[in-house]
C-alpha atoms as a PDB file:
ATOM      1  CA  MET A   1      93.489 115.978 114.166  1.00  0.00           C
ATOM      2  CA  ASP A   2      95.911 116.337 117.066  1.00  0.00           C
ATOM      3  CA  ILE A   3      96.302 112.552 117.257  1.00  0.00           C
ATOM      4  CA  VAL A   4      97.198 112.335 113.557  1.00  0.00           C
ATOM      5  CA  TYR A   5      99.615 115.231 113.922  1.00  0.00           C
ATOM      6  CA  ASN A   6     101.289 113.644 116.960  1.00  0.00           C
ATOM      7  CA  LEU A   7     101.588 110.283 115.170  1.00  0.00           C
ATOM      8  CA  LEU A   8     103.214 112.063 112.241  1.00  0.00           C
ATOM      9  CA  VAL A   9     105.656 113.769 114.625  1.00  0.00           C
ATOM     10  CA  VAL A  10     106.584 110.372 116.097  1.00  0.00           C
ATOM     11  CA  THR A  11     107.054 108.916 112.610  1.00  0.00           C
ATOM     12  CA  HIS A  12     109.127 111.947 111.606  1.00  0.00           C
ATOM     13  CA  LEU A  13     111.406 111.471 114.613  1.00  0.00           C
ATOM     14  CA  LEU A  14     111.718 107.741 113.919  1.00  0.00           C
ATOM     15  CA  GLY A  15     112.711 108.592 110.347  1.00  0.00           C
ATOM     16  CA  MET A  16     115.454 110.838 111.720  1.00  0.00           C
ATOM     17  CA  ALA A  17     116.604 108.056 114.038  1.00  0.00           C
ATOM     18  CA  TYR A  18     116.690 105.659 111.091  1.00  0.00           C
ATOM     19  CA  LEU A  19     118.673 108.137 108.993  1.00  0.00           C
ATOM     20  CA  VAL A  20     121.200 108.818 111.744  1.00  0.00           C
ATOM     21  CA  SER A  21     121.569 105.097 112.511  1.00  0.00           C
ATOM     22  CA  GLY A  22     122.365 104.483 108.841  1.00  0.00           C
ATOM     23  CA  ILE A  23     124.999 107.214 108.984  1.00  0.00           C
ATOM     24  CA  VAL A  24     126.528 105.653 112.104  1.00  0.00           C
ATOM     25  CA  VAL A  25     126.530 102.182 110.517  1.00  0.00           C
ATOM     26  CA  ARG A  26     128.283 103.553 107.434  1.00  0.00           C
ATOM     27  CA  TRP A  27     130.680 105.640 109.537  1.00  0.00           C
ATOM     28  CA  VAL A  28     131.808 102.696 111.671  1.00  0.00           C
ATOM     29  CA  GLY A  29     132.532 100.425 108.739  1.00  0.00           C
ATOM     30  CA  PRO A  30     131.503  99.480 105.246  1.00  0.00           C
ATOM     31  CA  ALA A  31     128.023  98.068 105.502  1.00  0.00           C
ATOM     32  CA  GLU A  32     125.965  96.940 102.550  1.00  0.00           C
ATOM     33  CA  ARG A  33     122.660  97.881 104.164  1.00  0.00           C
ATOM     34  CA  ALA A  34     123.675 101.358 105.335  1.00  0.00           C
ATOM     35  CA  GLY A  35     122.579 102.977 102.079  1.00  0.00           C
ATOM     36  CA  LYS A  36     119.159 101.379 102.244  1.00  0.00           C
ATOM     37  CA  ILE A  37     118.735 102.381 105.898  1.00  0.00           C
ATOM     38  CA  MET A  38     119.614 105.998 105.074  1.00  0.00           C
ATOM     39  CA  LEU A  39     117.300 106.008 102.045  1.00  0.00           C
ATOM     40  CA  TRP A  40     114.326 104.768 104.066  1.00  0.00           C
ATOM     41  CA  GLY A  41     115.022 107.265 106.841  1.00  0.00           C
ATOM     42  CA  ALA A  42     115.358 110.178 104.415  1.00  0.00           C
ATOM     43  CA  SER A  43     112.179 109.124 102.607  1.00  0.00           C
ATOM     44  CA  ALA A  44     110.257 108.985 105.876  1.00  0.00           C
ATOM     45  CA  GLN A  45     111.587 112.422 106.780  1.00  0.00           C
ATOM     46  CA  VAL A  46     110.448 114.031 103.535  1.00  0.00           C
ATOM     47  CA  VAL A  47     107.004 112.400 103.436  1.00  0.00           C
ATOM     48  CA  THR A  48     106.129 113.020 107.084  1.00  0.00           C
ATOM     49  CA  GLY A  49     107.651 116.504 106.996  1.00  0.00           C
ATOM     50  CA  LEU A  50     105.427 117.450 104.062  1.00  0.00           C
ATOM     51  CA  ALA A  51     102.390 116.020 105.847  1.00  0.00           C
ATOM     52  CA  LEU A  52     103.236 117.918 109.046  1.00  0.00           C
ATOM     53  CA  ALA A  53     103.743 121.161 107.122  1.00  0.00           C
ATOM     54  CA  GLY A  54     100.463 120.662 105.281  1.00  0.00           C
ATOM     55  CA  ILE A  55      98.490 120.064 108.450  1.00  0.00           C
ATOM     56  CA  ALA A  56     100.095 123.045 110.167  1.00  0.00           C
ATOM     57  CA  SER A  57      99.614 125.335 107.142  1.00  0.00           C
ATOM     58  CA  ALA A  58      95.952 124.379 106.926  1.00  0.00           C
ATOM     59  CA  GLY A  59      95.504 125.685 110.460  1.00  0.00           C
ATOM     60  CA  LEU A  60      94.404 122.317 111.848  1.00  0.00           C
ATOM     61  CA  VAL A  61      96.882 122.533 114.725  1.00  0.00           C
ATOM     62  CA  GLY A  62      97.804 125.586 116.788  1.00  0.00           C
ATOM     63  CA  GLY A  63     100.316 128.320 116.157  1.00  0.00           C
ATOM     64  CA  GLU A  64     101.637 130.257 113.203  1.00  0.00           C
ATOM     65  CA  VAL A  65     103.693 128.545 110.533  1.00  0.00           C
ATOM     66  CA  ASN A  66     107.119 129.842 109.525  1.00  0.00           C
ATOM     67  CA  HIS A  67     106.980 129.173 105.783  1.00  0.00           C
ATOM     68  CA  MET A  68     110.574 130.267 105.222  1.00  0.00           C
ATOM     69  CA  LYS A  69     111.819 127.667 107.716  1.00  0.00           C
ATOM     70  CA  ILE A  70     109.663 124.964 106.140  1.00  0.00           C
ATOM     71  CA  GLY A  71     110.963 125.880 102.677  1.00  0.00           C
ATOM     72  CA  VAL A  72     114.613 125.785 103.740  1.00  0.00           C
ATOM     73  CA  LYS A  73     114.105 122.492 105.575  1.00  0.00           C
ATOM     74  CA  LEU A  74     112.382 121.012 102.515  1.00  0.00           C
ATOM     75  CA  VAL A  75     115.272 121.970 100.229  1.00  0.00           C
ATOM     76  CA  VAL A  76     117.805 120.450 102.642  1.00  0.00           C
ATOM     77  CA  ALA A  77     115.642 117.327 103.143  1.00  0.00           C
ATOM     78  CA  VAL A  78     115.356 116.766  99.395  1.00  0.00           C
ATOM     79  CA  ALA A  79     119.144 117.152  99.110  1.00  0.00           C
ATOM     80  CA  VAL A  80     119.534 114.541 101.856  1.00  0.00           C
ATOM     81  CA  LEU A  81     117.119 112.241 100.016  1.00  0.00           C
ATOM     82  CA  VAL A  82     119.021 112.618  96.733  1.00  0.00           C
ATOM     83  CA  LEU A  83     122.363 111.980  98.441  1.00  0.00           C
ATOM     84  CA  ALA A  84     120.930 108.959 100.280  1.00  0.00           C
ATOM     85  CA  HIS A  85     119.701 107.599  96.957  1.00  0.00           C
ATOM     86  CA  ILE A  86     123.169 108.058  95.450  1.00  0.00           C
ATOM     87  CA  VAL A  87     124.809 106.309  98.431  1.00  0.00           C
ATOM     88  CA  TRP A  88     122.299 103.460  98.152  1.00  0.00           C
ATOM     89  CA  ARG A  89     122.682 102.983  94.385  1.00  0.00           C
ATOM     90  CA  ARG A  90     126.433 103.518  94.262  1.00  0.00           C
ATOM     91  CA  PRO A  91     128.075 102.533  97.549  1.00  0.00           C
ATOM     92  CA  ASP A  92     131.456 103.250  95.937  1.00  0.00           C
ATOM     93  CA  ALA A  93     130.422 106.843  95.060  1.00  0.00           C
ATOM     94  CA  GLY A  94     133.076 108.224  97.352  1.00  0.00           C
ATOM     95  CA  LYS A  95     133.381 109.614 100.814  1.00  0.00           C
ATOM     96  CA  ASN A  96     132.504 113.153  99.739  1.00  0.00           C
ATOM     97  CA  VAL A  97     128.932 112.144  98.901  1.00  0.00           C
ATOM     98  CA  PHE A  98     128.592 110.458 102.270  1.00  0.00           C
ATOM     99  CA  TYR A  99     130.127 113.436 104.073  1.00  0.00           C
ATOM    100  CA  GLY A 100     127.740 115.746 102.219  1.00  0.00           C
ATOM    101  CA  LEU A 101     124.826 113.569 103.330  1.00  0.00           C
ATOM    102  CA  THR A 102     126.039 113.679 106.913  1.00  0.00           C
ATOM    103  CA  ALA A 103     126.539 117.459 106.837  1.00  0.00           C
ATOM    104  CA  ALA A 104     123.129 118.087 105.254  1.00  0.00           C
ATOM    105  CA  THR A 105     121.459 115.871 107.847  1.00  0.00           C
ATOM    106  CA  LEU A 106     123.187 117.739 110.655  1.00  0.00           C
ATOM    107  CA  LEU A 107     122.235 121.059 109.045  1.00  0.00           C
ATOM    108  CA  ASN A 108     118.578 120.022 108.929  1.00  0.00           C
ATOM    109  CA  VAL A 109     118.644 119.061 112.615  1.00  0.00           C
ATOM    110  CA  VAL A 110     120.250 122.403 113.517  1.00  0.00           C
ATOM    111  CA  ILE A 111     117.663 124.313 111.482  1.00  0.00           C
ATOM    112  CA  ALA A 112     114.837 122.418 113.187  1.00  0.00           C
ATOM    113  CA  ALA A 113     116.192 123.005 116.662  1.00  0.00           C
ATOM    114  CA  MET A 114     117.616 126.534 116.446  1.00  0.00           C
ATOM    115  CA  TRP A 115     115.398 128.434 114.003  1.00  0.00           C
ATOM    116  CA  VAL A 116     112.512 129.879 115.956  1.00  0.00           C
END
């Protein structure tokens, strides 16, 4: 099960890289594909994050699980996914939606790294 867990971690990190690269593409200039890149990255983050949390909660990998942290991260990740979907469907939705997506993504990274 450790191999599956580690592959999910790699996929989760690649989803984050995809999400951040979409943000950078959109930040640098108007790009038609930026919304789709962010949507795919956010989708990968939510799906692999749920799988990782499920495996960890089932006790198949070591350590205790902080359910509060997982819950907060899930709420923020779903918000990122919704905002990425809005940016993808309506590229002219406004800068505030994009800034909210960027802030929520940064918040999720900070929660992952700083919350012990």
